[in-house]
All heavy atoms as atom14 arrays in JSON, in Angstrom:
{
  "sequence": "DKFTQVTHAMPMLSLDNVFDEAELTAFNQRVLDRLNTDDVITYAAE",
  "atom14_mask": [
    [1, 1, 1, 1, 1, 1, 1, 1, 0, 0, 0, 0, 0, 0],
    [1, 1, 1, 1, 1, 1, 1, 1, 1, 0, 0, 0, 0, 0],
    [1, 1, 1, 1, 1, 1, 1, 1, 1, 1, 1, 0, 0, 0],
    [1, 1, 1, 1, 1, 1, 1, 0, 0, 0, 0, 0, 0, 0],
    [1, 1, 1, 1, 1, 1, 1, 1, 1, 0, 0, 0, 0, 0],
    [1, 1, 1, 1, 1, 1, 1, 0, 0, 0, 0, 0, 0, 0],
    [1, 1, 1, 1, 1, 1, 1, 0, 0, 0, 0, 0, 0, 0],
    [1, 1, 1, 1, 1, 1, 1, 1, 1, 1, 0, 0, 0, 0],
    [1, 1, 1, 1, 1, 0, 0, 0, 0, 0, 0, 0, 0, 0],
    [1, 1, 1, 1, 1, 1, 1, 1, 0, 0, 0, 0, 0, 0],
    [1, 1, 1, 1, 1, 1, 1, 0, 0, 0, 0, 0, 0, 0],
    [1, 1, 1, 1, 1, 1, 1, 1, 0, 0, 0, 0, 0, 0],
    [1, 1, 1, 1, 1, 1, 1, 1, 0, 0, 0, 0, 0, 0],
    [1, 1, 1, 1, 1, 1, 0, 0, 0, 0, 0, 0, 0, 0],
    [1, 1, 1, 1, 1, 1, 1, 1, 0, 0, 0, 0, 0, 0],
    [1, 1, 1, 1, 1, 1, 1, 1, 0, 0, 0, 0, 0, 0],
    [1, 1, 1, 1, 1, 1, 1, 1, 0, 0, 0, 0, 0, 0],
    [1, 1, 1, 1, 1, 1, 1, 0, 0, 0, 0, 0, 0, 0],
    [1, 1, 1, 1, 1, 1, 1, 1, 1, 1, 1, 0, 0, 0],
    [1, 1, 1, 1, 1, 1, 1, 1, 0, 0, 0, 0, 0, 0],
    [1, 1, 1, 1, 1, 1, 1, 1, 1, 0, 0, 0, 0, 0],
    [1, 1, 1, 1, 1, 0, 0, 0, 0, 0, 0, 0, 0, 0],
    [1, 1, 1, 1, 1, 1, 1, 1, 1, 0, 0, 0, 0, 0],
    [1, 1, 1, 1, 1, 1, 1, 1, 0, 0, 0, 0, 0, 0],
    [1, 1, 1, 1, 1, 1, 1, 0, 0, 0, 0, 0, 0, 0],
    [1, 1, 1, 1, 1, 0, 0, 0, 0, 0, 0, 0, 0, 0],
    [1, 1, 1, 1, 1, 1, 1, 1, 1, 1, 1, 0, 0, 0],
    [1, 1, 1, 1, 1, 1, 1, 1, 0, 0, 0, 0, 0, 0],
    [1, 1, 1, 1, 1, 1, 1, 1, 1, 0, 0, 0, 0, 0],
    [1, 1, 1, 1, 1, 1, 1, 1, 1, 1, 1, 0, 0, 0],
    [1, 1, 1, 1, 1, 1, 1, 0, 0, 0, 0, 0, 0, 0],
    [1, 1, 1, 1, 1, 1, 1, 1, 0, 0, 0, 0, 0, 0],
    [1, 1, 1, 1, 1, 1, 1, 1, 0, 0, 0, 0, 0, 0],
    [1, 1, 1, 1, 1, 1, 1, 1, 1, 1, 1, 0, 0, 0],
    [1, 1, 1, 1, 1, 1, 1, 1, 0, 0, 0, 0, 0, 0],
    [1, 1, 1, 1, 1, 1, 1, 1, 0, 0, 0, 0, 0, 0],
    [1, 1, 1, 1, 1, 1, 1, 0, 0, 0, 0, 0, 0, 0],
    [1, 1, 1, 1, 1, 1, 1, 1, 0, 0, 0, 0, 0, 0],
    [1, 1, 1, 1, 1, 1, 1, 1, 0, 0, 0, 0, 0, 0],
    [1, 1, 1, 1, 1, 1, 1, 0, 0, 0, 0, 0, 0, 0],
    [1, 1, 1, 1, 1, 1, 1, 1, 0, 0, 0, 0, 0, 0],
    [1, 1, 1, 1, 1, 1, 1, 0, 0, 0, 0, 0, 0, 0],
    [1, 1, 1, 1, 1, 1, 1, 1, 1, 1, 1, 1, 0, 0],
    [1, 1, 1, 1, 1, 0, 0, 0, 0, 0, 0, 0, 0, 0],
    [1, 1, 1, 1, 1, 0, 0, 0, 0, 0, 0, 0, 0, 0],
    [1, 1, 1, 1, 1, 1, 1, 1, 1, 0, 0, 0, 0, 0]
  ],
  "atom14_positions": [
    [[96.03, 65.39, 59.44], [97.13, 64.55, 59.92], [97.7, 65.13, 61.21], [98.1, 64.4, 62.11], [98.23, 64.47, 58.86], [97.77, 63.71, 57.62], [96.96, 62.78, 57.78], [98.21, 64.06, 56.52], [0.0, 0.0, 0.0], [0.0, 0.0, 0.0], [0.0, 0.0, 0.0], [0.0, 0.0, 0.0], [0.0, 0.0, 0.0], [0.0, 0.0, 0.0]],
    [[97.75, 66.46, 61.29], [98.24, 67.13, 62.49], [97.84, 68.6, 62.4], [97.42, 69.09, 61.33], [99.76, 67.01, 62.6], [100.53, 67.67, 61.46], [102.03, 67.55, 61.64], [102.78, 68.25, 60.5], [104.24, 68.16, 60.67], [0.0, 0.0, 0.0], [0.0, 0.0, 0.0], [0.0, 0.0, 0.0], [0.0, 0.0, 0.0], [0.0, 0.0, 0.0]],
    [[97.94, 69.32, 63.51], [97.65, 70.74, 63.51], [98.89, 71.51, 63.05], [100.02, 71.17, 63.41], [97.28, 71.22, 64.92], [95.97, 70.66, 65.42], [95.93, 69.83, 66.52], [94.78, 70.98, 64.79], [94.73, 69.32, 66.99], [93.58, 70.48, 65.25], [93.55, 69.64, 66.34], [0.0, 0.0, 0.0], [0.0, 0.0, 0.0], [0.0, 0.0, 0.0]],
    [[98.65, 72.55, 62.27], [99.75, 73.44, 61.89], [99.85, 74.57, 62.92], [98.91, 74.84, 63.66], [99.52, 74.04, 60.5], [98.27, 74.73, 60.47], [99.49, 72.94, 59.45], [0.0, 0.0, 0.0], [0.0, 0.0, 0.0], [0.0, 0.0, 0.0], [0.0, 0.0, 0.0], [0.0, 0.0, 0.0], [0.0, 0.0, 0.0], [0.0, 0.0, 0.0]],
    [[100.99, 75.23, 62.96], [101.22, 76.29, 63.93], [100.82, 77.64, 63.35], [100.92, 77.88, 62.15], [102.68, 76.32, 64.37], [103.08, 75.11, 65.2], [104.44, 75.29, 65.83], [105.34, 75.9, 65.25], [104.62, 74.76, 67.04], [0.0, 0.0, 0.0], [0.0, 0.0, 0.0], [0.0, 0.0, 0.0], [0.0, 0.0, 0.0], [0.0, 0.0, 0.0]],
    [[100.36, 78.52, 64.24], [99.96, 79.87, 63.86], [100.67, 80.86, 64.77], [100.63, 80.72, 66.0], [98.43, 80.05, 64.01], [98.04, 81.51, 63.75], [97.68, 79.14, 63.06], [0.0, 0.0, 0.0], [0.0, 0.0, 0.0], [0.0, 0.0, 0.0], [0.0, 0.0, 0.0], [0.0, 0.0, 0.0], [0.0, 0.0, 0.0], [0.0, 0.0, 0.0]],
    [[101.33, 81.84, 64.18], [101.94, 82.91, 64.97], [100.91, 84.02, 65.15], [100.37, 84.54, 64.18], [103.18, 83.47, 64.26], [104.14, 82.41, 64.09], [103.81, 84.59, 65.08], [0.0, 0.0, 0.0], [0.0, 0.0, 0.0], [0.0, 0.0, 0.0], [0.0, 0.0, 0.0], [0.0, 0.0, 0.0], [0.0, 0.0, 0.0], [0.0, 0.0, 0.0]],
    [[100.6, 84.34, 66.4], [99.6, 85.35, 66.67], [100.1, 86.74, 66.24], [101.24, 87.11, 66.52], [99.26, 85.38, 68.16], [98.67, 84.11, 68.67], [97.5, 83.58, 68.16], [99.09, 83.24, 69.63], [97.22, 82.45, 68.8], [98.16, 82.22, 69.68], [0.0, 0.0, 0.0], [0.0, 0.0, 0.0], [0.0, 0.0, 0.0], [0.0, 0.0, 0.0]],
    [[99.23, 87.49, 65.55], [99.58, 88.85, 65.14], [99.84, 89.73, 66.36], [100.71, 90.59, 66.35], [98.47, 89.44, 64.28], [0.0, 0.0, 0.0], [0.0, 0.0, 0.0], [0.0, 0.0, 0.0], [0.0, 0.0, 0.0], [0.0, 0.0, 0.0], [0.0, 0.0, 0.0], [0.0, 0.0, 0.0], [0.0, 0.0, 0.0], [0.0, 0.0, 0.0]],
    [[99.06, 89.51, 67.42], [99.29, 90.14, 68.73], [99.36, 89.02, 69.75], [98.53, 88.1, 69.72], [98.16, 91.11, 69.08], [98.14, 92.39, 68.29], [96.73, 93.45, 68.77], [97.12, 93.76, 70.51], [0.0, 0.0, 0.0], [0.0, 0.0, 0.0], [0.0, 0.0, 0.0], [0.0, 0.0, 0.0], [0.0, 0.0, 0.0], [0.0, 0.0, 0.0]],
    [[100.34, 89.04, 70.66], [100.47, 87.95, 71.64], [99.18, 87.76, 72.45], [98.47, 88.73, 72.73], [101.62, 88.41, 72.53], [102.39, 89.38, 71.7], [101.39, 90.06, 70.83], [0.0, 0.0, 0.0], [0.0, 0.0, 0.0], [0.0, 0.0, 0.0], [0.0, 0.0, 0.0], [0.0, 0.0, 0.0], [0.0, 0.0, 0.0], [0.0, 0.0, 0.0]],
    [[98.9, 86.53, 72.8], [97.79, 86.22, 73.7], [98.37, 86.13, 75.1], [98.96, 85.12, 75.48], [97.09, 84.92, 73.3], [96.39, 85.01, 71.97], [95.39, 83.53, 71.61], [94.03, 83.73, 72.78], [0.0, 0.0, 0.0], [0.0, 0.0, 0.0], [0.0, 0.0, 0.0], [0.0, 0.0, 0.0], [0.0, 0.0, 0.0], [0.0, 0.0, 0.0]],
    [[98.21, 87.2, 75.86], [98.86, 87.32, 77.16], [98.13, 86.53, 78.23], [96.92, 86.31, 78.16], [98.94, 88.8, 77.56], [99.7, 89.7, 76.59], [99.5, 91.16, 76.96], [101.17, 89.35, 76.57], [0.0, 0.0, 0.0], [0.0, 0.0, 0.0], [0.0, 0.0, 0.0], [0.0, 0.0, 0.0], [0.0, 0.0, 0.0], [0.0, 0.0, 0.0]],
    [[98.88, 86.1, 79.22], [98.28, 85.48, 80.4], [98.02, 86.57, 81.43], [98.42, 87.73, 81.25], [99.21, 84.41, 80.97], [100.48, 84.96, 81.25], [0.0, 0.0, 0.0], [0.0, 0.0, 0.0], [0.0, 0.0, 0.0], [0.0, 0.0, 0.0], [0.0, 0.0, 0.0], [0.0, 0.0, 0.0], [0.0, 0.0, 0.0], [0.0, 0.0, 0.0]],
    [[97.34, 86.21, 82.53], [97.01, 87.18, 83.57], [97.68, 86.79, 84.88], [97.81, 85.61, 85.19], [95.49, 87.26, 83.79], [94.64, 87.76, 82.63], [93.15, 87.65, 82.99], [94.99, 89.18, 82.27], [0.0, 0.0, 0.0], [0.0, 0.0, 0.0], [0.0, 0.0, 0.0], [0.0, 0.0, 0.0], [0.0, 0.0, 0.0], [0.0, 0.0, 0.0]],
    [[98.09, 87.78, 85.65], [98.53, 87.52, 87.01], [97.31, 87.2, 87.86], [96.19, 87.65, 87.57], [99.26, 88.73, 87.59], [100.65, 88.92, 86.96], [101.23, 87.91, 86.52], [101.13, 90.06, 86.93], [0.0, 0.0, 0.0], [0.0, 0.0, 0.0], [0.0, 0.0, 0.0], [0.0, 0.0, 0.0], [0.0, 0.0, 0.0], [0.0, 0.0, 0.0]],
    [[97.52, 86.41, 88.93], [96.43, 85.97, 89.78], [96.5, 86.56, 91.18], [97.6, 86.84, 91.69], [96.45, 84.43, 89.93], [96.25, 83.72, 88.61], [95.47, 84.15, 87.78], [96.96, 82.62, 88.42], [0.0, 0.0, 0.0], [0.0, 0.0, 0.0], [0.0, 0.0, 0.0], [0.0, 0.0, 0.0], [0.0, 0.0, 0.0], [0.0, 0.0, 0.0]],
    [[95.33, 86.76, 91.78], [95.23, 87.07, 93.21], [94.25, 86.07, 93.81], [93.39, 85.53, 93.11], [94.78, 88.52, 93.49], [95.82, 89.51, 92.98], [93.42, 88.81, 92.86], [0.0, 0.0, 0.0], [0.0, 0.0, 0.0], [0.0, 0.0, 0.0], [0.0, 0.0, 0.0], [0.0, 0.0, 0.0], [0.0, 0.0, 0.0], [0.0, 0.0, 0.0]],
    [[94.38, 85.83, 95.13], [93.61, 84.77, 95.74], [92.79, 85.22, 96.94], [92.09, 84.42, 97.54], [94.54, 83.62, 96.16], [95.25, 82.99, 94.98], [96.49, 83.45, 94.58], [94.66, 81.97, 94.27], [97.14, 82.88, 93.49], [95.3, 81.39, 93.18], [96.54, 81.85, 92.79], [0.0, 0.0, 0.0], [0.0, 0.0, 0.0], [0.0, 0.0, 0.0]],
    [[92.9, 86.5, 97.3], [92.05, 87.0, 98.4], [91.78, 88.48, 98.19], [92.36, 89.12, 97.29], [92.67, 86.73, 99.77], [94.05, 87.35, 99.93], [94.25, 88.51, 99.5], [94.93, 86.7, 100.51], [0.0, 0.0, 0.0], [0.0, 0.0, 0.0], [0.0, 0.0, 0.0], [0.0, 0.0, 0.0], [0.0, 0.0, 0.0], [0.0, 0.0, 0.0]],
    [[90.89, 89.03, 99.01], [90.44, 90.41, 98.84], [91.56, 91.4, 99.08], [91.62, 92.46, 98.44], [89.25, 90.68, 99.76], [88.02, 89.86, 99.39], [86.83, 90.16, 100.28], [86.91, 91.11, 101.07], [85.81, 89.44, 100.17], [0.0, 0.0, 0.0], [0.0, 0.0, 0.0], [0.0, 0.0, 0.0], [0.0, 0.0, 0.0], [0.0, 0.0, 0.0]],
    [[92.46, 91.09, 100.01], [93.57, 91.99, 100.29], [94.47, 92.14, 99.06], [94.94, 93.24, 98.74], [94.38, 91.47, 101.49], [0.0, 0.0, 0.0], [0.0, 0.0, 0.0], [0.0, 0.0, 0.0], [0.0, 0.0, 0.0], [0.0, 0.0, 0.0], [0.0, 0.0, 0.0], [0.0, 0.0, 0.0], [0.0, 0.0, 0.0], [0.0, 0.0, 0.0]],
    [[94.69, 91.04, 98.34], [95.53, 91.1, 97.15], [94.83, 91.87, 96.03], [95.48, 92.58, 95.25], [95.85, 89.68, 96.68], [96.81, 88.93, 97.59], [97.13, 87.54, 97.07], [96.22, 86.87, 96.55], [98.3, 87.13, 97.18], [0.0, 0.0, 0.0], [0.0, 0.0, 0.0], [0.0, 0.0, 0.0], [0.0, 0.0, 0.0], [0.0, 0.0, 0.0]],
    [[93.5, 91.75, 95.94], [92.76, 92.52, 94.94], [92.83, 94.01, 95.25], [93.02, 94.83, 94.35], [91.31, 92.05, 94.88], [90.42, 92.74, 93.85], [90.96, 92.55, 92.44], [88.98, 92.24, 93.94], [0.0, 0.0, 0.0], [0.0, 0.0, 0.0], [0.0, 0.0, 0.0], [0.0, 0.0, 0.0], [0.0, 0.0, 0.0], [0.0, 0.0, 0.0]],
    [[92.69, 94.35, 96.52], [92.8, 95.75, 96.95], [94.2, 96.28, 96.66], [94.37, 97.43, 96.22], [92.48, 95.87, 98.44], [91.15, 95.39, 98.68], [92.56, 97.32, 98.9], [0.0, 0.0, 0.0], [0.0, 0.0, 0.0], [0.0, 0.0, 0.0], [0.0, 0.0, 0.0], [0.0, 0.0, 0.0], [0.0, 0.0, 0.0], [0.0, 0.0, 0.0]],
    [[95.22, 95.44, 96.87], [96.6, 95.85, 96.6], [96.81, 96.08, 95.1], [97.54, 97.0, 94.7], [97.57, 94.8, 97.12], [0.0, 0.0, 0.0], [0.0, 0.0, 0.0], [0.0, 0.0, 0.0], [0.0, 0.0, 0.0], [0.0, 0.0, 0.0], [0.0, 0.0, 0.0], [0.0, 0.0, 0.0], [0.0, 0.0, 0.0], [0.0, 0.0, 0.0]],
    [[96.18, 95.25, 94.26], [96.25, 95.46, 92.81], [95.68, 96.82, 92.44], [96.27, 97.57, 91.66], [95.49, 94.35, 92.09], [95.16, 94.67, 90.65], [96.14, 94.64, 89.67], [93.86, 95.04, 90.29], [95.83, 94.96, 88.35], [93.56, 95.36, 88.98], [94.54, 95.32, 88.0], [0.0, 0.0, 0.0], [0.0, 0.0, 0.0], [0.0, 0.0, 0.0]],
    [[94.52, 97.16, 93.0], [93.91, 98.46, 92.73], [94.84, 99.59, 93.14], [94.96, 100.6, 92.42], [92.58, 98.56, 93.48], [91.91, 99.91, 93.29], [91.47, 100.25, 92.2], [91.85, 100.71, 94.36], [0.0, 0.0, 0.0], [0.0, 0.0, 0.0], [0.0, 0.0, 0.0], [0.0, 0.0, 0.0], [0.0, 0.0, 0.0], [0.0, 0.0, 0.0]],
    [[95.52, 99.44, 94.27], [96.42, 100.49, 94.74], [97.61, 100.63, 93.8], [98.07, 101.75, 93.52], [96.91, 100.18, 96.16], [97.69, 101.31, 96.81], [96.88, 102.59, 96.91], [95.75, 102.59, 97.41], [97.43, 103.7, 96.39], [0.0, 0.0, 0.0], [0.0, 0.0, 0.0], [0.0, 0.0, 0.0], [0.0, 0.0, 0.0], [0.0, 0.0, 0.0]],
    [[98.1, 99.52, 93.26], [99.21, 99.59, 92.3], [98.79, 100.34, 91.04], [99.56, 101.11, 90.47], [99.69, 98.18, 91.93], [100.43, 97.47, 93.04], [101.2, 96.26, 92.51], [100.35, 95.27, 91.89], [99.74, 94.28, 92.54], [99.87, 94.19, 93.87], [98.99, 93.4, 91.9], [0.0, 0.0, 0.0], [0.0, 0.0, 0.0], [0.0, 0.0, 0.0]],
    [[97.55, 100.11, 90.61], [97.04, 100.84, 89.44], [97.01, 102.33, 89.72], [97.47, 103.15, 88.9], [95.62, 100.32, 89.06], [94.96, 101.25, 88.05], [95.69, 98.9, 88.52], [0.0, 0.0, 0.0], [0.0, 0.0, 0.0], [0.0, 0.0, 0.0], [0.0, 0.0, 0.0], [0.0, 0.0, 0.0], [0.0, 0.0, 0.0], [0.0, 0.0, 0.0]],
    [[96.49, 102.71, 90.88], [96.44, 104.13, 91.25], [97.84, 104.72, 91.32], [98.08, 105.84, 90.83], [95.74, 104.29, 92.61], [94.25, 103.92, 92.66], [93.74, 103.95, 94.1], [93.43, 104.87, 91.8], [0.0, 0.0, 0.0], [0.0, 0.0, 0.0], [0.0, 0.0, 0.0], [0.0, 0.0, 0.0], [0.0, 0.0, 0.0], [0.0, 0.0, 0.0]],
    [[98.77, 104.0, 91.92], [100.14, 104.51, 92.06], [100.81, 104.7, 90.71], [101.47, 105.72, 90.47], [100.97, 103.55, 92.92], [100.52, 103.52, 94.38], [99.77, 104.43, 94.79], [100.89, 102.56, 95.1], [0.0, 0.0, 0.0], [0.0, 0.0, 0.0], [0.0, 0.0, 0.0], [0.0, 0.0, 0.0], [0.0, 0.0, 0.0], [0.0, 0.0, 0.0]],
    [[100.63, 103.72, 89.81], [101.28, 103.82, 88.5], [100.67, 104.93, 87.65], [101.35, 105.52, 86.81], [101.18, 102.47, 87.78], [102.09, 101.41, 88.39], [102.06, 100.12, 87.6], [103.03, 99.16, 88.17], [102.73, 97.99, 88.65], [101.46, 97.57, 88.64], [103.65, 97.19, 89.14], [0.0, 0.0, 0.0], [0.0, 0.0, 0.0], [0.0, 0.0, 0.0]],
    [[99.39, 105.2, 87.87], [98.74, 106.3, 87.14], [98.9, 107.63, 87.86], [98.49, 108.67, 87.33], [97.25, 105.98, 86.94], [96.91, 104.78, 86.04], [95.42, 104.51, 86.05], [97.4, 105.04, 84.6], [0.0, 0.0, 0.0], [0.0, 0.0, 0.0], [0.0, 0.0, 0.0], [0.0, 0.0, 0.0], [0.0, 0.0, 0.0], [0.0, 0.0, 0.0]],
    [[99.46, 107.58, 89.07], [99.68, 108.78, 89.88], [98.37, 109.57, 90.04], [98.29, 110.76, 89.74], [100.76, 109.66, 89.25], [101.23, 110.76, 90.19], [101.15, 110.61, 91.42], [101.69, 111.87, 89.63], [0.0, 0.0, 0.0], [0.0, 0.0, 0.0], [0.0, 0.0, 0.0], [0.0, 0.0, 0.0], [0.0, 0.0, 0.0], [0.0, 0.0, 0.0]],
    [[97.34, 108.86, 90.53], [96.03, 109.48, 90.67], [95.32, 108.96, 91.91], [95.63, 107.86, 92.39], [95.16, 109.2, 89.43], [93.91, 109.87, 89.58], [94.89, 107.72, 89.26], [0.0, 0.0, 0.0], [0.0, 0.0, 0.0], [0.0, 0.0, 0.0], [0.0, 0.0, 0.0], [0.0, 0.0, 0.0], [0.0, 0.0, 0.0], [0.0, 0.0, 0.0]],
    [[94.4, 109.75, 92.42], [93.52, 109.32, 93.51], [92.1, 109.1, 93.0], [91.19, 108.8, 93.79], [93.49, 110.37, 94.63], [94.83, 110.5, 95.33], [95.52, 109.46, 95.48], [95.21, 111.63, 95.72], [0.0, 0.0, 0.0], [0.0, 0.0, 0.0], [0.0, 0.0, 0.0], [0.0, 0.0, 0.0], [0.0, 0.0, 0.0], [0.0, 0.0, 0.0]],
    [[91.89, 109.26, 91.68], [90.56, 109.09, 91.11], [90.09, 107.64, 91.24], [90.9, 106.7, 91.25], [90.56, 109.48, 89.62], [90.84, 110.96, 89.42], [90.68, 111.71, 90.38], [91.23, 111.33, 88.29], [0.0, 0.0, 0.0], [0.0, 0.0, 0.0], [0.0, 0.0, 0.0], [0.0, 0.0, 0.0], [0.0, 0.0, 0.0], [0.0, 0.0, 0.0]],
    [[88.79, 107.46, 91.3], [88.22, 106.12, 91.33], [88.36, 105.49, 89.94], [87.99, 106.1, 88.93], [86.73, 106.15, 91.75], [86.1, 104.77, 91.61], [86.59, 106.67, 93.17], [0.0, 0.0, 0.0], [0.0, 0.0, 0.0], [0.0, 0.0, 0.0], [0.0, 0.0, 0.0], [0.0, 0.0, 0.0], [0.0, 0.0, 0.0], [0.0, 0.0, 0.0]],
    [[88.92, 104.31, 89.89], [89.15, 103.62, 88.62], [87.89, 102.83, 88.23], [87.3, 102.14, 89.06], [90.35, 102.66, 88.71], [91.63, 103.43, 89.07], [90.55, 101.91, 87.39], [92.06, 104.44, 88.05], [0.0, 0.0, 0.0], [0.0, 0.0, 0.0], [0.0, 0.0, 0.0], [0.0, 0.0, 0.0], [0.0, 0.0, 0.0], [0.0, 0.0, 0.0]],
    [[87.52, 102.94, 86.97], [86.41, 102.13, 86.46], [86.97, 100.83, 85.9], [87.91, 100.84, 85.09], [85.65, 102.87, 85.35], [85.08, 104.07, 85.89], [84.53, 102.0, 84.79], [0.0, 0.0, 0.0], [0.0, 0.0, 0.0], [0.0, 0.0, 0.0], [0.0, 0.0, 0.0], [0.0, 0.0, 0.0], [0.0, 0.0, 0.0], [0.0, 0.0, 0.0]],
    [[86.4, 99.72, 86.37], [86.84, 98.4, 85.92], [85.73, 97.73, 85.13], [84.54, 98.01, 85.31], [87.2, 97.51, 87.12], [88.46, 97.93, 87.85], [88.39, 98.7, 89.01], [89.71, 97.55, 87.38], [89.54, 99.09, 89.68], [90.87, 97.94, 88.04], [90.77, 98.71, 89.19], [91.92, 99.1, 89.85], [0.0, 0.0, 0.0], [0.0, 0.0, 0.0]],
    [[86.13, 96.79, 84.27], [85.19, 95.87, 83.63], [85.43, 94.5, 84.25], [86.58, 94.05, 84.34], [85.42, 95.82, 82.12], [0.0, 0.0, 0.0], [0.0, 0.0, 0.0], [0.0, 0.0, 0.0], [0.0, 0.0, 0.0], [0.0, 0.0, 0.0], [0.0, 0.0, 0.0], [0.0, 0.0, 0.0], [0.0, 0.0, 0.0], [0.0, 0.0, 0.0]],
    [[84.37, 93.86, 84.7], [84.48, 92.55, 85.33], [83.74, 91.51, 84.51], [82.69, 91.81, 83.93], [83.91, 92.6, 86.75], [0.0, 0.0, 0.0], [0.0, 0.0, 0.0], [0.0, 0.0, 0.0], [0.0, 0.0, 0.0], [0.0, 0.0, 0.0], [0.0, 0.0, 0.0], [0.0, 0.0, 0.0], [0.0, 0.0, 0.0], [0.0, 0.0, 0.0]],
    [[84.27, 90.3, 84.47], [83.62, 89.21, 83.76], [84.02, 87.89, 84.41], [85.11, 87.78, 84.98], [83.99, 89.23, 82.28], [85.49, 89.13, 82.02], [85.89, 89.71, 80.67], [85.06, 90.38, 80.04], [87.04, 89.48, 80.27], [0.0, 0.0, 0.0], [0.0, 0.0, 0.0], [0.0, 0.0, 0.0], [0.0, 0.0, 0.0], [0.0, 0.0, 0.0]]
  ]
}
C-alpha cells in the first residue's frame, strides 16, 4: 500500500563536490593540513 520508513543505524552521508582540478588539489591540501603531514596520501577512487 505504501513504503514504511527505516531509520538508518548509521547515517547515509552525502559528499561535498568539486568541479575542477584546482578544487580537487585544494581538497588534497586540506586533508594534509588537517592531518598535519607532508606525506603522500593514498586515495581510493571509484
